[in-house]
Amino acid sequence: MTEYMVTMRKIVGDAPLIQCGASVILLNKNNEILLQKRRDNGCWGFHGGSVEINEVVEEAAARELFEETGLIANKLELFKVFSGPELYYVYPNGDEVSNIDIVYVCRDYSGSLLANPGEVEELAFFPLDKIPENISPPQQKPLNDFLQTLTPSC
C-alpha cells in the first residue's frame, strides 16, 4: 500500500476510497502474459498499484512492475483507463476501494524475474489461451478487454 493510502486509511478506516491505480500487462517474446499470484487474496493478476501524490502515472506503473517482478519497463504503451462498478473491490482486510485503473502494456522490458515476497506468492508466464480462472476481481474486466483486442472479430 502506498504512503498516501496508508495515511488515508488512518483517517477513514476501511470506508470506501477512490483509488487511482497504474497497472502493467507484460508480454514476452512468445506472446505469453506474466501474471502474479497475489499474497493478499490468492488470485492471479497483472502488476500494479496505487499512484502516490504528485507521481506521474506512467512512472507509477513502471515502479509497481519493478517492485513486484524485478523487471524494468523499457517502453510502456497506454492500453485503456478502467473505472466503474466492476472495479469496486473489498480487500480481504475489509478495506473498500473504487478503482480507477490506468493500464499499460509492456512488450519491451529488461531485468530478471524476482517476486516481491511481501506481495507476490508466484510469478509465471501463461499462454493467452491458458489464463488461470481465479483472476483478481478488479482485474477481470481489464484483462478480458485486453484479451479481446488480440482476438480477431468475426
C-alpha atoms as a PDB file:
ATOM      1  CA  MET A   1       0.000   0.000   0.000  1.00  0.00           C
ATOM      2  CA  THR A   2       1.345   3.429  -0.900  1.00  0.00           C
ATOM      3  CA  GLU A   3       2.156   6.007   1.764  1.00  0.00           C
ATOM      4  CA  TYR A   4      -0.843   8.072   0.654  1.00  0.00           C
ATOM      5  CA  MET A   5      -3.259   5.144   1.037  1.00  0.00           C
ATOM      6  CA  VAL A   6      -1.795   4.265   4.454  1.00  0.00           C
ATOM      7  CA  THR A   7      -2.390   7.867   5.565  1.00  0.00           C
ATOM      8  CA  MET A   8      -5.945   7.884   4.200  1.00  0.00           C
ATOM      9  CA  ARG A   9      -6.761   4.571   5.882  1.00  0.00           C
ATOM     10  CA  LYS A  10      -5.703   6.054   9.236  1.00  0.00           C
ATOM     11  CA  ILE A  11      -8.305   8.776   8.689  1.00  0.00           C
ATOM     12  CA  VAL A  12     -11.251   6.840   7.173  1.00  0.00           C
ATOM     13  CA  GLY A  13     -10.662   3.280   8.361  1.00  0.00           C
ATOM     14  CA  ASP A  14     -11.976   0.732   5.869  1.00  0.00           C
ATOM     15  CA  ALA A  15     -14.618   3.072   4.341  1.00  0.00           C
ATOM     16  CA  PRO A  16     -14.679   3.231   0.522  1.00  0.00           C
ATOM     17  CA  LEU A  17     -11.945   5.339  -1.081  1.00  0.00           C
ATOM     18  CA  ILE A  18     -11.383   6.276  -4.692  1.00  0.00           C
ATOM     19  CA  GLN A  19      -8.052   4.709  -5.604  1.00  0.00           C
ATOM     20  CA  CYS A  20      -6.096   5.706  -8.697  1.00  0.00           C
ATOM     21  CA  GLY A  21      -4.031   2.776  -9.893  1.00  0.00           C
ATOM     22  CA  ALA A  22      -1.398   2.227 -12.547  1.00  0.00           C
ATOM     23  CA  SER A  23      -1.033  -1.276 -13.942  1.00  0.00           C
ATOM     24  CA  VAL A  24       1.052  -3.183 -16.464  1.00  0.00           C
ATOM     25  CA  ILE A  25       0.143  -6.130 -18.652  1.00  0.00           C
ATOM     26  CA  LEU A  26       3.513  -7.605 -19.635  1.00  0.00           C
ATOM     27  CA  LEU A  27       4.010  -9.916 -22.623  1.00  0.00           C
ATOM     28  CA  ASN A  28       7.167 -11.826 -23.503  1.00  0.00           C
ATOM     29  CA  LYS A  29       8.530 -12.576 -26.992  1.00  0.00           C
ATOM     30  CA  ASN A  30       6.358 -15.735 -27.126  1.00  0.00           C
ATOM     31  CA  ASN A  31       3.257 -13.578 -26.569  1.00  0.00           C
ATOM     32  CA  GLU A  32       2.751 -15.061 -23.105  1.00  0.00           C
ATOM     33  CA  ILE A  33       1.439 -12.879 -20.291  1.00  0.00           C
ATOM     34  CA  LEU A  34       3.253 -12.545 -16.988  1.00  0.00           C
ATOM     35  CA  LEU A  35       0.894 -12.934 -14.038  1.00  0.00           C
ATOM     36  CA  GLN A  36       1.474 -12.868 -10.318  1.00  0.00           C
ATOM     37  CA  LYS A  37      -0.315 -14.854  -7.664  1.00  0.00           C
ATOM     38  CA  ARG A  38      -1.170 -12.215  -5.068  1.00  0.00           C
ATOM     39  CA  ARG A  39      -0.495 -12.791  -1.377  1.00  0.00           C
ATOM     40  CA  ASP A  40      -3.486 -10.743  -0.214  1.00  0.00           C
ATOM     41  CA  ASN A  41      -6.254 -12.686  -1.973  1.00  0.00           C
ATOM     42  CA  GLY A  42      -4.564 -15.741  -3.518  1.00  0.00           C
ATOM     43  CA  CYS A  43      -5.720 -14.738  -7.007  1.00  0.00           C
ATOM     44  CA  TRP A  44      -3.721 -14.212 -10.180  1.00  0.00           C
ATOM     45  CA  GLY A  45      -3.381 -10.809 -11.793  1.00  0.00           C
ATOM     46  CA  PHE A  46      -1.185  -8.431 -13.686  1.00  0.00           C
ATOM     47  CA  HIS A  47       1.070  -5.911 -11.947  1.00  0.00           C
ATOM     48  CA  GLY A  48       0.170  -2.566 -10.478  1.00  0.00           C
ATOM     49  CA  GLY A  49      -0.809  -0.491  -7.529  1.00  0.00           C
ATOM     50  CA  SER A  50      -1.772   2.926  -6.239  1.00  0.00           C
ATOM     51  CA  VAL A  51      -0.330   6.145  -7.589  1.00  0.00           C
ATOM     52  CA  GLU A  52       1.384   8.344  -4.987  1.00  0.00           C
ATOM     53  CA  ILE A  53       0.685  12.065  -4.578  1.00  0.00           C
ATOM     54  CA  ASN A  54       2.364  14.009  -7.441  1.00  0.00           C
ATOM     55  CA  GLU A  55       3.615  10.788  -9.068  1.00  0.00           C
ATOM     56  CA  VAL A  56       3.442  10.563 -12.864  1.00  0.00           C
ATOM     57  CA  VAL A  57       1.088   7.675 -13.658  1.00  0.00           C
ATOM     58  CA  GLU A  58       3.406   6.030 -16.201  1.00  0.00           C
ATOM     59  CA  GLU A  59       6.237   6.192 -13.653  1.00  0.00           C
ATOM     60  CA  ALA A  60       3.940   4.602 -11.045  1.00  0.00           C
ATOM     61  CA  ALA A  61       3.192   1.738 -13.456  1.00  0.00           C
ATOM     62  CA  ALA A  62       6.909   1.172 -14.092  1.00  0.00           C
ATOM     63  CA  ARG A  63       7.651   1.397 -10.350  1.00  0.00           C
ATOM     64  CA  GLU A  64       4.969  -1.162  -9.487  1.00  0.00           C
ATOM     65  CA  LEU A  65       6.182  -3.536 -12.206  1.00  0.00           C
ATOM     66  CA  PHE A  66       9.725  -3.348 -10.853  1.00  0.00           C
ATOM     67  CA  GLU A  67       8.681  -3.669  -7.192  1.00  0.00           C
ATOM     68  CA  GLU A  68       6.539  -6.740  -7.856  1.00  0.00           C
ATOM     69  CA  THR A  69       8.584  -8.548 -10.529  1.00  0.00           C
ATOM     70  CA  GLY A  70      12.133  -7.131 -10.656  1.00  0.00           C
ATOM     71  CA  LEU A  71      11.575  -6.223 -14.330  1.00  0.00           C
ATOM     72  CA  ILE A  72      12.263  -2.798 -15.832  1.00  0.00           C
ATOM     73  CA  ALA A  73       9.766  -1.442 -18.352  1.00  0.00           C
ATOM     74  CA  ASN A  74      11.802  -0.043 -21.240  1.00  0.00           C
ATOM     75  CA  LYS A  75       8.631   1.038 -23.015  1.00  0.00           C
ATOM     76  CA  LEU A  76       5.007   1.276 -21.879  1.00  0.00           C
ATOM     77  CA  GLU A  77       2.033   1.712 -24.193  1.00  0.00           C
ATOM     78  CA  LEU A  78      -1.219   3.069 -22.796  1.00  0.00           C
ATOM     79  CA  PHE A  79      -3.936   0.450 -23.217  1.00  0.00           C
ATOM     80  CA  LYS A  80      -7.041   1.879 -21.575  1.00  0.00           C
ATOM     81  CA  VAL A  81      -8.463   3.515 -18.452  1.00  0.00           C
ATOM     82  CA  PHE A  82     -10.936   1.450 -16.416  1.00  0.00           C
ATOM     83  CA  SER A  83     -13.441   2.529 -13.761  1.00  0.00           C
ATOM     84  CA  GLY A  84     -16.937   1.817 -12.547  1.00  0.00           C
ATOM     85  CA  PRO A  85     -18.728  -0.853 -10.535  1.00  0.00           C
ATOM     86  CA  GLU A  86     -16.679  -3.724 -11.971  1.00  0.00           C
ATOM     87  CA  LEU A  87     -13.558  -2.264 -10.369  1.00  0.00           C
ATOM     88  CA  TYR A  88     -15.092  -1.796  -6.910  1.00  0.00           C
ATOM     89  CA  TYR A  89     -13.303  -4.119  -4.518  1.00  0.00           C
ATOM     90  CA  VAL A  90     -13.238  -5.096  -0.864  1.00  0.00           C
ATOM     91  CA  TYR A  91      -9.797  -6.338   0.176  1.00  0.00           C
ATOM     92  CA  PRO A  92      -9.553  -9.373   2.475  1.00  0.00           C
ATOM     93  CA  ASN A  93      -8.745  -6.979   5.364  1.00  0.00           C
ATOM     94  CA  GLY A  94     -12.055  -5.121   4.796  1.00  0.00           C
ATOM     95  CA  ASP A  95     -10.666  -2.008   3.064  1.00  0.00           C
ATOM     96  CA  GLU A  96     -13.056  -0.867   0.310  1.00  0.00           C
ATOM     97  CA  VAL A  97     -11.951   0.889  -2.888  1.00  0.00           C
ATOM     98  CA  SER A  98     -13.484   2.212  -6.061  1.00  0.00           C
ATOM     99  CA  ASN A  99     -10.606   1.786  -8.504  1.00  0.00           C
ATOM    100  CA  ILE A 100      -9.670   3.926 -11.447  1.00  0.00           C
ATOM    101  CA  ASP A 101      -7.011   1.856 -13.171  1.00  0.00           C
ATOM    102  CA  ILE A 102      -4.778   3.203 -15.927  1.00  0.00           C
ATOM    103  CA  VAL A 103      -3.490   0.098 -17.692  1.00  0.00           C
ATOM    104  CA  TYR A 104      -0.366  -0.079 -19.826  1.00  0.00           C
ATOM    105  CA  VAL A 105       1.040  -2.850 -21.999  1.00  0.00           C
ATOM    106  CA  CYS A 106       4.743  -3.669 -21.901  1.00  0.00           C
ATOM    107  CA  ARG A 107       6.481  -5.812 -24.527  1.00  0.00           C
ATOM    108  CA  ASP A 108       9.919  -4.210 -24.158  1.00  0.00           C
ATOM    109  CA  TYR A 109      11.490  -4.906 -20.775  1.00  0.00           C
ATOM    110  CA  SER A 110      14.742  -5.973 -19.153  1.00  0.00           C
ATOM    111  CA  GLY A 111      15.947  -7.443 -15.881  1.00  0.00           C
ATOM    112  CA  SER A 112      15.475 -10.747 -14.109  1.00  0.00           C
ATOM    113  CA  LEU A 113      12.278 -12.060 -12.575  1.00  0.00           C
ATOM    114  CA  LEU A 114      12.260 -11.632  -8.823  1.00  0.00           C
ATOM    115  CA  ALA A 115       8.960 -11.874  -6.952  1.00  0.00           C
ATOM    116  CA  ASN A 116       8.460  -9.394  -4.109  1.00  0.00           C
ATOM    117  CA  PRO A 117       7.884 -11.802  -1.195  1.00  0.00           C
ATOM    118  CA  GLY A 118       5.658  -9.318   0.639  1.00  0.00           C
ATOM    119  CA  GLU A 119       3.140  -9.073  -2.202  1.00  0.00           C
ATOM    120  CA  VAL A 120       3.684 -11.968  -4.597  1.00  0.00           C
ATOM    121  CA  GLU A 121       3.439 -15.717  -3.984  1.00  0.00           C
ATOM    122  CA  GLU A 122       4.430 -16.707  -7.508  1.00  0.00           C
ATOM    123  CA  LEU A 123       5.247 -15.276 -10.940  1.00  0.00           C
ATOM    124  CA  ALA A 124       4.527 -17.224 -14.120  1.00  0.00           C
ATOM    125  CA  PHE A 125       4.134 -16.657 -17.845  1.00  0.00           C
ATOM    126  CA  PHE A 126       0.931 -18.045 -19.360  1.00  0.00           C
ATOM    127  CA  PRO A 127      -0.098 -18.603 -22.981  1.00  0.00           C
ATOM    128  CA  LEU A 128      -3.006 -16.279 -23.746  1.00  0.00           C
ATOM    129  CA  ASP A 129      -5.363 -19.239 -24.170  1.00  0.00           C
ATOM    130  CA  LYS A 130      -4.395 -20.756 -20.802  1.00  0.00           C
ATOM    131  CA  ILE A 131      -5.014 -17.881 -18.368  1.00  0.00           C
ATOM    132  CA  PRO A 132      -5.875 -19.108 -14.834  1.00  0.00           C
ATOM    133  CA  GLU A 133      -9.548 -18.829 -13.886  1.00  0.00           C
ATOM    134  CA  ASN A 134      -9.001 -17.222 -10.477  1.00  0.00           C
ATOM    135  CA  ILE A 135      -8.139 -13.695 -11.653  1.00  0.00           C
ATOM    136  CA  SER A 136      -8.232 -10.956  -9.006  1.00  0.00           C
ATOM    137  CA  PRO A 137     -11.760  -9.450  -9.249  1.00  0.00           C
ATOM    138  CA  PRO A 138     -10.874  -5.818 -10.089  1.00  0.00           C
ATOM    139  CA  GLN A 139      -8.557  -7.029 -12.864  1.00  0.00           C
ATOM    140  CA  GLN A 140     -11.043  -9.297 -14.626  1.00  0.00           C
ATOM    141  CA  LYS A 141     -12.551  -6.614 -16.890  1.00  0.00           C
ATOM    142  CA  PRO A 142      -9.232  -5.047 -17.913  1.00  0.00           C
ATOM    143  CA  LEU A 143      -7.724  -8.464 -18.645  1.00  0.00           C
ATOM    144  CA  ASN A 144     -10.786  -9.630 -20.602  1.00  0.00           C
ATOM    145  CA  ASP A 145     -10.794  -6.405 -22.633  1.00  0.00           C
ATOM    146  CA  PHE A 146      -7.101  -6.847 -23.387  1.00  0.00           C
ATOM    147  CA  LEU A 147      -7.547 -10.457 -24.487  1.00  0.00           C
ATOM    148  CA  GLN A 148     -10.445  -9.409 -26.741  1.00  0.00           C
ATOM    149  CA  THR A 149      -8.212  -6.900 -28.517  1.00  0.00           C
ATOM    150  CA  LEU A 150      -5.944  -9.811 -29.501  1.00  0.00           C
ATOM    151  CA  THR A 151      -8.789 -11.967 -30.814  1.00  0.00           C
ATOM    152  CA  PRO A 152      -9.892 -11.188 -34.372  1.00  0.00           C
ATOM    153  CA  SER A 153     -13.606 -10.371 -34.532  1.00  0.00           C
ATOM    154  CA  CYS A 154     -15.867 -12.429 -36.808  1.00  0.00           C
END
